[in-house]
Protein backbone atom coordinates (compact mmCIF):
# COMPACT_ATOMS: atom_id res chain seq x y z
CA MET A 1 -6.55 -4.15 -19.18
CA LEU A 2 -4.59 -2.76 -15.96
CA THR A 3 -3.40 0.76 -15.76
CA LEU A 4 -1.42 2.14 -13.04
CA TYR A 5 -1.35 5.70 -11.86
CA SER A 6 1.60 7.26 -9.69
CA PHE A 7 4.79 9.26 -8.97
CA GLY A 8 7.54 8.51 -9.97
CA PRO A 9 9.49 5.07 -8.40
CA GLY A 10 9.77 5.56 -4.83
CA ALA A 11 7.72 5.41 -1.09
CA ASN A 12 4.13 4.67 -1.52
CA SER A 13 3.98 4.52 -5.78
CA LEU A 14 7.46 2.29 -5.74
CA LYS A 15 4.90 -0.14 -4.15
CA PRO A 16 2.36 -1.42 -7.13
CA LEU A 17 5.44 0.23 -10.12
CA LEU A 18 8.11 -2.60 -8.49
CA ALA A 19 5.24 -5.31 -8.33
CA LEU A 20 4.13 -4.64 -12.05
CA HIS A 21 7.00 -5.05 -13.34
CA GLU A 22 8.18 -8.57 -10.26
CA LYS A 23 5.27 -10.25 -12.17
CA GLY A 24 5.94 -9.33 -15.56
CA VAL A 25 1.82 -9.17 -16.87
CA GLU A 26 0.80 -6.55 -19.48
CA TRP A 27 0.56 -3.17 -18.39
CA THR A 28 -0.01 0.45 -18.37
CA HIS A 29 2.04 3.45 -17.00
CA ARG A 30 -0.04 6.72 -16.68
CA PHE A 31 2.76 8.90 -14.87
CA VAL A 32 1.38 11.65 -12.62
CA ASP A 33 3.17 14.33 -12.62
CA PRO A 34 3.10 16.23 -8.32
CA GLY A 35 5.77 18.92 -9.72
CA LYS A 36 2.56 19.92 -11.48
CA PHE A 37 0.14 18.56 -8.42
CA GLU A 38 -1.33 16.38 -11.04
CA GLN A 39 -2.16 14.18 -8.53
CA HIS A 40 -4.96 17.04 -7.42
CA SER A 41 -5.68 18.19 -10.72
CA ASP A 42 -9.96 17.02 -12.18
CA TRP A 43 -9.19 14.99 -14.80
CA PHE A 44 -7.10 12.50 -11.55
CA LYS A 45 -10.03 13.56 -9.07
CA LYS A 46 -12.49 11.85 -11.64
CA ILE A 47 -10.02 8.83 -11.00
CA ASN A 48 -9.30 9.18 -7.34
CA PRO A 49 -11.61 11.54 -5.38
CA ARG A 50 -8.64 11.08 -2.60
CA GLY A 51 -6.66 13.68 -4.89
CA GLN A 52 -3.54 10.16 -4.21
CA VAL A 53 -1.04 8.02 -6.11
CA PRO A 54 -1.00 5.01 -6.60
CA ALA A 55 -4.74 3.84 -8.53
CA LEU A 56 -4.73 1.06 -10.70
CA GLU A 57 -7.50 0.78 -13.25
CA HIS A 58 -8.88 -2.69 -14.40
CA ASP A 59 -10.76 -3.47 -16.87
CA GLY A 60 -12.62 0.03 -15.92
CA LYS A 61 -12.20 -0.47 -11.72
CA ILE A 62 -10.26 1.54 -9.99
CA ILE A 63 -8.22 0.13 -7.89
CA THR A 64 -6.57 2.56 -4.75
CA GLU A 65 -3.74 2.66 -1.88
CA SER A 66 -1.16 0.75 -2.57
CA THR A 67 -0.53 -2.02 -0.25
CA VAL A 68 -4.17 -2.95 -1.64
CA ILE A 69 -2.68 -3.22 -4.98
CA CYS A 70 0.12 -4.65 -4.61
CA GLU A 71 -2.06 -7.66 -2.91
CA TYR A 72 -4.62 -6.99 -6.04
CA LEU A 73 -2.58 -7.90 -8.01
CA GLU A 74 -1.43 -11.26 -6.47
CA ASP A 75 -5.69 -11.83 -6.54
CA VAL A 76 -5.78 -11.74 -10.63
CA TYR A 77 -2.27 -13.26 -11.15
CA PRO A 78 -2.17 -15.33 -8.46
CA ASN A 79 0.41 -18.08 -10.19
CA ILE A 80 2.69 -15.31 -12.23
CA ASN A 81 5.42 -14.64 -10.63
CA PRO A 82 3.96 -15.39 -7.22
CA LEU A 83 4.77 -12.23 -4.91
CA ARG A 84 3.46 -14.23 -2.02
CA PRO A 85 3.68 -16.92 0.60
CA ALA A 86 2.61 -19.99 -0.73
CA ASP A 87 2.29 -21.49 2.76
CA PRO A 88 0.02 -19.41 5.93
CA TYR A 89 1.84 -19.12 8.07
CA LYS A 90 4.70 -17.31 6.32
CA ARG A 91 2.70 -15.86 4.10
CA ALA A 92 0.36 -14.16 8.14
CA GLU A 93 4.04 -13.56 7.95
CA MET A 94 4.24 -10.80 4.98
CA ARG A 95 1.09 -8.63 6.19
CA VAL A 96 2.61 -8.80 9.24
CA TRP A 97 5.53 -6.32 7.92
CA THR A 98 3.32 -5.51 5.21
CA LYS A 99 0.55 -3.59 8.10
CA TRP A 100 3.72 -2.48 10.01
CA VAL A 101 5.30 -0.05 6.85
CA ASP A 102 1.43 1.38 6.18
CA GLU A 103 0.65 1.98 10.25
CA TYR A 104 4.12 2.54 11.67
CA PHE A 105 7.25 2.63 9.03
CA CYS A 106 6.14 4.50 5.99
CA TRP A 107 4.69 7.71 9.18
CA CYS A 108 8.05 8.81 10.28
CA VAL A 109 8.99 8.67 7.25
CA SER A 110 7.18 10.80 5.89
CA THR A 111 6.84 13.21 8.19
CA ILE A 112 10.30 13.59 7.63
CA GLY A 113 10.40 14.00 4.03
CA TRP A 114 7.94 16.56 4.07
CA ALA A 115 10.33 18.68 6.53
CA ARG A 116 12.85 18.40 4.23
CA HIS A 117 11.25 18.58 0.75
CA ILE A 118 8.41 19.77 0.62
CA LYS A 119 9.05 22.82 2.59
CA ASP A 120 10.90 25.23 -0.33
CA LEU A 121 7.74 23.76 -2.98
CA ALA A 122 5.44 25.13 -0.57
CA ASN A 123 7.48 28.53 -0.03
CA SER A 124 7.65 29.57 -3.42
CA MET A 125 4.18 29.64 -3.65
CA THR A 126 2.14 33.07 -2.66
CA GLU A 127 -0.11 33.28 -0.04
CA ASP A 128 -2.81 33.36 -2.58
CA GLU A 129 -1.22 30.43 -4.82
CA PHE A 130 -0.55 28.35 -2.40
CA GLU A 131 -3.98 28.94 -0.71
CA ALA A 132 -5.51 28.63 -4.13
CA HIS A 133 -3.14 24.94 -4.40
CA LEU A 134 -4.95 23.74 -0.96
CA ALA A 135 -8.67 24.40 -1.69
CA ASN A 136 -7.93 22.05 -4.17
CA ILE A 137 -7.13 18.97 -1.82
CA PRO A 138 -9.51 16.64 -0.72
CA ILE A 139 -7.74 15.26 2.21
CA PRO A 140 -7.81 17.79 5.43
CA GLU A 141 -4.89 16.09 7.26
CA GLN A 142 -3.23 16.61 4.08
CA ARG A 143 -4.58 20.41 3.50
CA VAL A 144 -2.50 20.94 7.59
CA LYS A 145 1.13 18.65 6.19
CA TRP A 146 1.24 21.99 3.46
CA ARG A 147 0.65 24.33 6.24
CA ARG A 148 3.23 22.83 8.43
CA ALA A 149 5.66 22.13 5.80
CA ARG A 150 5.63 25.90 4.78
CA ASP A 151 5.51 27.67 8.23
CA GLY A 152 8.09 23.91 9.58
CA PHE A 153 6.74 22.06 11.78
CA PRO A 154 6.84 21.21 15.21
CA GLN A 155 10.01 20.33 16.52
CA GLU A 156 8.80 18.15 19.10
CA MET A 157 7.19 15.35 16.11
CA LEU A 158 10.16 16.19 14.49
CA ASP A 159 11.90 14.42 16.83
CA GLU A 160 9.58 11.46 17.84
CA GLU A 161 9.02 10.68 14.20
CA MET A 162 13.51 10.88 13.95
CA ARG A 163 13.25 8.74 17.50
CA LYS A 164 10.44 6.56 15.40
CA ILE A 165 12.67 5.91 12.15
CA GLY A 166 15.03 4.56 14.88
CA VAL A 167 12.90 2.18 15.96
CA SER A 168 12.07 1.16 12.23
CA ILE A 169 15.60 0.47 10.84
CA ALA A 170 16.49 -1.84 14.47
CA ARG A 171 13.90 -3.26 13.53
CA LEU A 172 13.98 -4.40 9.94
CA GLU A 173 18.60 -4.64 10.68
CA GLU A 174 16.80 -7.12 13.49
CA THR A 175 15.42 -9.49 10.87
CA LEU A 176 17.77 -8.89 8.15
CA SER A 177 20.74 -9.61 10.06
CA ARG A 178 20.02 -13.18 10.43
CA GLN A 179 18.13 -13.70 6.32
CA ASP A 180 18.07 -12.32 3.34
CA TYR A 181 14.44 -11.41 3.19
CA LEU A 182 11.52 -10.79 5.95
CA VAL A 183 9.67 -13.45 5.17
CA GLU A 184 12.65 -16.51 5.77
CA GLY A 185 13.45 -17.92 2.47
CA GLU A 186 10.65 -16.14 0.46
CA TYR A 187 11.44 -12.65 -1.72
CA SER A 188 7.89 -11.27 -1.01
CA LEU A 189 4.93 -8.49 -0.79
CA ALA A 190 6.90 -7.70 2.00
CA ASP A 191 10.52 -6.92 1.07
CA ILE A 192 8.38 -5.01 -1.92
CA CYS A 193 7.06 -2.96 0.27
CA ASN A 194 8.92 -2.12 3.17
CA PHE A 195 12.01 -0.98 0.56
CA ALA A 196 9.94 0.97 -1.12
CA ILE A 197 9.63 3.25 1.91
CA ALA A 198 13.41 2.18 3.55
CA ASN A 199 15.32 2.31 -0.46
CA GLY A 200 18.17 5.11 -0.82
CA MET A 201 17.73 5.69 3.72
CA GLN A 202 21.56 5.30 3.65
CA PHE A 203 22.01 8.89 2.05
CA GLY A 204 18.82 10.20 4.16
CA PHE A 205 19.49 9.13 7.37
CA PRO A 206 23.34 8.56 6.75
CA GLU A 207 23.53 8.75 10.19
CA LEU A 208 21.04 5.48 11.56
CA VAL A 209 22.19 3.41 7.68
CA ASN A 210 25.24 3.23 7.08
CA GLU A 211 27.31 -0.11 6.25
CA GLN A 212 28.57 -0.71 10.00
CA ASP A 213 25.82 -0.23 11.88
CA THR A 214 22.81 -2.47 9.97
CA PRO A 215 24.93 -4.24 7.43
CA GLY A 216 22.28 -6.48 6.89
CA LEU A 217 19.79 -3.77 6.26
CA MET A 218 22.09 -2.40 3.57
CA ALA A 219 22.15 -5.94 2.06
CA TRP A 220 18.68 -6.22 1.84
CA MET A 221 18.89 -2.99 -0.50
CA ALA A 222 20.81 -4.21 -2.74
CA ARG A 223 20.05 -7.47 -2.64
CA ILE A 224 16.14 -6.05 -4.48
CA ASN A 225 17.97 -3.41 -6.78
CA GLU A 226 20.27 -5.50 -8.28
CA ARG A 227 16.46 -8.00 -9.22
CA PRO A 228 16.43 -7.50 -12.84
CA ALA A 229 13.16 -6.12 -12.03
CA CYS A 230 13.90 -3.95 -10.15
CA LYS A 231 16.23 -2.46 -12.79
CA GLU A 232 13.83 -1.93 -15.42
CA MET A 233 11.69 -0.06 -13.14
CA PHE A 234 14.44 2.34 -12.23
CA GLU A 235 15.62 2.83 -15.84
CA ALA A 236 11.95 2.89 -17.09
CA VAL A 237 9.46 4.97 -14.62
CA PRO A 238 10.35 8.96 -14.93
CA ARG A 239 10.67 10.33 -11.66
CA GLU A 240 9.30 13.74 -10.53
CA ASN A 241 10.78 16.76 -9.70
CA LEU A 242 9.85 18.39 -6.44
CA LYS A 243 11.83 21.65 -7.30
CA PRO A 244 10.38 24.81 -7.63
CA GLU A 245 10.43 26.81 -10.49
CA ASP A 246 13.05 29.39 -10.57
């Protein structure tokens, strides 16, 4: 039996969510509410002591890290709606893309997201509440991000991350302007893992992602959003509310 613990269908949680919907295997979803900081609760830290989602439970074993979970699903169900190319060279290409999104693309988008969207939540807490919240976070780097969200990220850091976002968008567009998917001829985990970060960037970064400047990227996002599994995921999985309570 599979149980996925995750946030809603966005960022790293979207990767295994979409992979599971694409695979069509039997599984259960357990929504972890970030608005209530459930990822840092005692019950969830028994599942993943790092206090991070997503986490997959399979027959009593816990698998963490979003891309690793996706690869694990392919290892367990290799013949059910495969999301890895059979050709070794194309499989290597897929893994170059998943490695890149984990090590580069995700981080620059995440920093801007924290600066834009977590600030109000962090500042809605009293000093005592904020410090108590930080005390529940196991990862030191996450505590630093919360402090920066509350106090303000250094402008030079934001400028550098925006530069990296521009580099990322250019790389995606260069490939997607000449082929439908990141690995030519095959929809794969390369697409799922990058879509998890890129989807909706035309709204968050319209000066960079738009029909005129990035038609290939726009068409690719639309193509994936039209897949039955993707539609099913967005309809079935609840989205989190990170706005502070009034």
